[in-house]
């Protein structure tokens, strides 16, 4: 994967994580006797998977930046 692709994927994941976090927060607390619109456990599982991928991308981007040489 090229650095540019990783940066684009990281930006996309960041937006999707924020949206998923908002959906999770709105489905965790419901009134008594009501059912959440989406399954909070499933949303949390998706959030964990996306967070792991985001962490991996950040690690790889940082590693690439750390070993990159400049023309100085």
N, C-alpha and C. Protein backbone atom coordinates (compact mmCIF):
# COMPACT_ATOMS: atom_id res chain seq x y z
N UNK A 1 0.85 -1.18 0.00
CA UNK A 1 0.00 0.00 0.00
C UNK A 1 0.89 1.24 0.00
N UNK A 2 0.56 2.17 -0.84
CA UNK A 2 1.32 3.41 -0.92
C UNK A 2 0.87 4.35 0.20
N UNK A 3 1.77 5.27 0.53
CA UNK A 3 1.49 6.22 1.61
C UNK A 3 0.23 7.02 1.32
N UNK A 4 0.06 7.46 0.10
CA UNK A 4 -1.13 8.26 -0.25
C UNK A 4 -2.42 7.46 -0.04
N UNK A 5 -2.39 6.19 -0.41
CA UNK A 5 -3.56 5.34 -0.20
C UNK A 5 -3.86 5.17 1.28
N UNK A 6 -2.81 5.00 2.07
CA UNK A 6 -2.98 4.85 3.52
C UNK A 6 -3.55 6.12 4.14
N UNK A 7 -3.09 7.27 3.67
CA UNK A 7 -3.60 8.54 4.20
C UNK A 7 -5.07 8.74 3.85
N UNK A 8 -5.45 8.35 2.64
CA UNK A 8 -6.85 8.47 2.22
C UNK A 8 -7.72 7.52 3.04
N UNK A 9 -7.25 6.28 3.22
CA UNK A 9 -8.02 5.32 4.01
C UNK A 9 -8.15 5.76 5.46
N UNK A 10 -7.06 6.34 6.01
CA UNK A 10 -7.10 6.83 7.39
C UNK A 10 -8.13 7.94 7.54
N UNK A 11 -8.17 8.86 6.60
CA UNK A 11 -9.14 9.96 6.66
C UNK A 11 -10.57 9.42 6.57
N UNK A 12 -10.79 8.46 5.67
CA UNK A 12 -12.11 7.86 5.53
C UNK A 12 -12.52 7.12 6.81
N UNK A 13 -11.58 6.36 7.37
CA UNK A 13 -11.88 5.63 8.60
C UNK A 13 -12.19 6.58 9.76
N UNK A 14 -11.48 7.69 9.80
CA UNK A 14 -11.72 8.67 10.87
C UNK A 14 -13.15 9.20 10.82
N UNK A 15 -13.63 9.49 9.60
CA UNK A 15 -15.01 9.97 9.43
C UNK A 15 -16.01 8.87 9.81
N UNK A 16 -15.75 7.65 9.32
CA UNK A 16 -16.65 6.53 9.61
C UNK A 16 -16.68 6.20 11.10
N UNK A 17 -15.54 6.32 11.76
CA UNK A 17 -15.50 6.07 13.21
C UNK A 17 -16.34 7.09 13.97
N UNK A 18 -16.27 8.34 13.57
CA UNK A 18 -17.07 9.38 14.22
C UNK A 18 -18.56 9.12 14.02
N UNK A 19 -18.94 8.74 12.81
CA UNK A 19 -20.35 8.44 12.53
C UNK A 19 -20.82 7.22 13.33
N UNK A 20 -19.99 6.20 13.36
CA UNK A 20 -20.34 4.98 14.08
C UNK A 20 -20.44 5.25 15.58
N UNK A 21 -19.55 6.07 16.09
CA UNK A 21 -19.60 6.44 17.50
C UNK A 21 -20.90 7.16 17.83
N UNK A 22 -21.32 8.07 16.96
CA UNK A 22 -22.58 8.78 17.17
C UNK A 22 -23.77 7.82 17.14
N UNK A 23 -23.76 6.88 16.18
CA UNK A 23 -24.84 5.89 16.10
C UNK A 23 -24.87 5.02 17.36
N UNK A 24 -23.70 4.64 17.83
CA UNK A 24 -23.63 3.81 19.03
C UNK A 24 -24.18 4.57 20.24
N UNK A 25 -23.77 5.81 20.38
CA UNK A 25 -24.25 6.60 21.52
C UNK A 25 -25.76 6.79 21.50
N UNK A 26 -26.33 6.96 20.31
CA UNK A 26 -27.78 7.17 20.24
C UNK A 26 -28.57 5.87 20.43
N UNK A 27 -27.93 4.72 20.31
CA UNK A 27 -28.62 3.44 20.46
C UNK A 27 -28.35 2.75 21.78
N UNK A 28 -27.45 3.28 22.57
CA UNK A 28 -27.12 2.64 23.85
C UNK A 28 -28.21 2.91 24.88
N UNK A 29 -28.66 4.14 24.94
CA UNK A 29 -29.67 4.50 25.94
C UNK A 29 -31.01 4.70 25.26
N UNK A 30 -31.99 3.91 25.65
CA UNK A 30 -33.36 4.04 25.13
C UNK A 30 -34.31 4.06 26.31
N UNK A 31 -35.50 4.51 26.06
CA UNK A 31 -36.51 4.52 27.12
C UNK A 31 -36.92 3.09 27.48
N UNK A 32 -37.36 2.94 28.71
CA UNK A 32 -37.80 1.63 29.18
C UNK A 32 -38.95 1.14 28.30
N UNK A 33 -38.85 -0.12 27.90
CA UNK A 33 -39.87 -0.71 27.06
C UNK A 33 -39.64 -0.51 25.57
N UNK A 34 -38.65 0.29 25.22
CA UNK A 34 -38.33 0.52 23.82
C UNK A 34 -37.13 -0.32 23.41
N UNK A 35 -37.06 -0.58 22.15
CA UNK A 35 -35.92 -1.31 21.59
C UNK A 35 -35.03 -0.33 20.83
N UNK A 36 -33.72 -0.51 20.89
CA UNK A 36 -32.86 0.37 20.09
C UNK A 36 -33.06 0.10 18.59
N UNK A 37 -32.84 1.11 17.79
CA UNK A 37 -33.01 0.98 16.35
C UNK A 37 -31.97 0.01 15.78
N UNK A 38 -30.74 0.09 16.30
CA UNK A 38 -29.66 -0.80 15.87
C UNK A 38 -29.12 -1.54 17.09
N UNK A 39 -28.56 -2.71 16.88
CA UNK A 39 -28.00 -3.51 17.96
C UNK A 39 -26.70 -2.88 18.45
N UNK A 40 -26.66 -2.37 19.68
CA UNK A 40 -25.44 -1.74 20.21
C UNK A 40 -24.25 -2.69 20.23
N UNK A 41 -24.46 -3.96 20.49
CA UNK A 41 -23.35 -4.91 20.52
C UNK A 41 -22.70 -5.04 19.14
N UNK A 42 -23.53 -5.06 18.12
CA UNK A 42 -23.01 -5.15 16.75
C UNK A 42 -22.28 -3.87 16.36
N UNK A 43 -22.82 -2.73 16.77
CA UNK A 43 -22.16 -1.46 16.49
C UNK A 43 -20.81 -1.38 17.21
N UNK A 44 -20.77 -1.85 18.44
CA UNK A 44 -19.52 -1.84 19.20
C UNK A 44 -18.48 -2.76 18.56
N UNK A 45 -18.93 -3.89 18.07
CA UNK A 45 -18.01 -4.81 17.40
C UNK A 45 -17.43 -4.15 16.14
N UNK A 46 -18.26 -3.49 15.38
CA UNK A 46 -17.80 -2.77 14.19
C UNK A 46 -16.84 -1.66 14.57
N UNK A 47 -17.15 -0.96 15.64
CA UNK A 47 -16.28 0.12 16.11
C UNK A 47 -14.91 -0.43 16.50
N UNK A 48 -14.88 -1.57 17.17
CA UNK A 48 -13.61 -2.17 17.57
C UNK A 48 -12.78 -2.60 16.36
N UNK A 49 -13.43 -3.17 15.36
CA UNK A 49 -12.73 -3.59 14.14
C UNK A 49 -12.15 -2.38 13.41
N UNK A 50 -12.96 -1.34 13.26
CA UNK A 50 -12.48 -0.15 12.57
C UNK A 50 -11.37 0.55 13.35
N UNK A 51 -11.47 0.56 14.67
CA UNK A 51 -10.45 1.18 15.49
C UNK A 51 -9.12 0.44 15.34
N UNK A 52 -9.17 -0.87 15.31
CA UNK A 52 -7.96 -1.66 15.13
C UNK A 52 -7.31 -1.35 13.78
N UNK A 53 -8.12 -1.25 12.73
CA UNK A 53 -7.59 -0.92 11.40
C UNK A 53 -7.01 0.49 11.40
N UNK A 54 -7.68 1.43 12.06
CA UNK A 54 -7.19 2.81 12.14
C UNK A 54 -5.84 2.85 12.85
N UNK A 55 -5.72 2.12 13.96
CA UNK A 55 -4.46 2.08 14.70
C UNK A 55 -3.34 1.50 13.83
N UNK A 56 -3.65 0.45 13.07
CA UNK A 56 -2.65 -0.15 12.19
C UNK A 56 -2.19 0.85 11.13
N UNK A 57 -3.14 1.57 10.53
CA UNK A 57 -2.77 2.55 9.52
C UNK A 57 -1.91 3.66 10.10
N UNK A 58 -2.27 4.16 11.27
CA UNK A 58 -1.49 5.22 11.90
C UNK A 58 -0.07 4.73 12.18
N UNK A 59 0.04 3.50 12.67
CA UNK A 59 1.35 2.93 12.96
C UNK A 59 2.19 2.84 11.68
N UNK A 60 1.59 2.34 10.60
CA UNK A 60 2.32 2.18 9.35
C UNK A 60 2.69 3.53 8.73
N UNK A 61 1.81 4.50 8.81
CA UNK A 61 2.09 5.84 8.29
C UNK A 61 3.24 6.46 9.07
N UNK A 62 3.18 6.35 10.39
CA UNK A 62 4.24 6.92 11.22
C UNK A 62 5.58 6.24 10.96
N UNK A 63 5.56 4.93 10.78
CA UNK A 63 6.79 4.20 10.48
C UNK A 63 7.37 4.66 9.14
N UNK A 64 6.52 4.81 8.15
CA UNK A 64 6.96 5.28 6.84
C UNK A 64 7.56 6.67 6.94
N UNK A 65 6.92 7.54 7.68
CA UNK A 65 7.43 8.90 7.86
C UNK A 65 8.75 8.90 8.62
N UNK A 66 8.91 8.00 9.57
CA UNK A 66 10.12 7.96 10.38
C UNK A 66 11.34 7.49 9.58
N UNK A 67 11.13 6.60 8.63
CA UNK A 67 12.26 6.06 7.88
C UNK A 67 12.50 6.79 6.56
N UNK A 68 11.61 7.69 6.19
CA UNK A 68 11.76 8.43 4.93
C UNK A 68 12.95 9.37 5.03
N UNK A 69 13.72 9.40 3.97
CA UNK A 69 14.89 10.28 3.91
C UNK A 69 14.54 11.50 3.07
N UNK A 70 15.09 12.62 3.46
CA UNK A 70 14.86 13.85 2.71
C UNK A 70 16.12 14.20 1.91
N UNK A 71 15.97 15.03 0.93
CA UNK A 71 17.10 15.48 0.11
C UNK A 71 17.74 16.72 0.72
N UNK A 72 18.37 16.59 1.86
CA UNK A 72 19.00 17.74 2.51
C UNK A 72 20.48 17.75 2.28
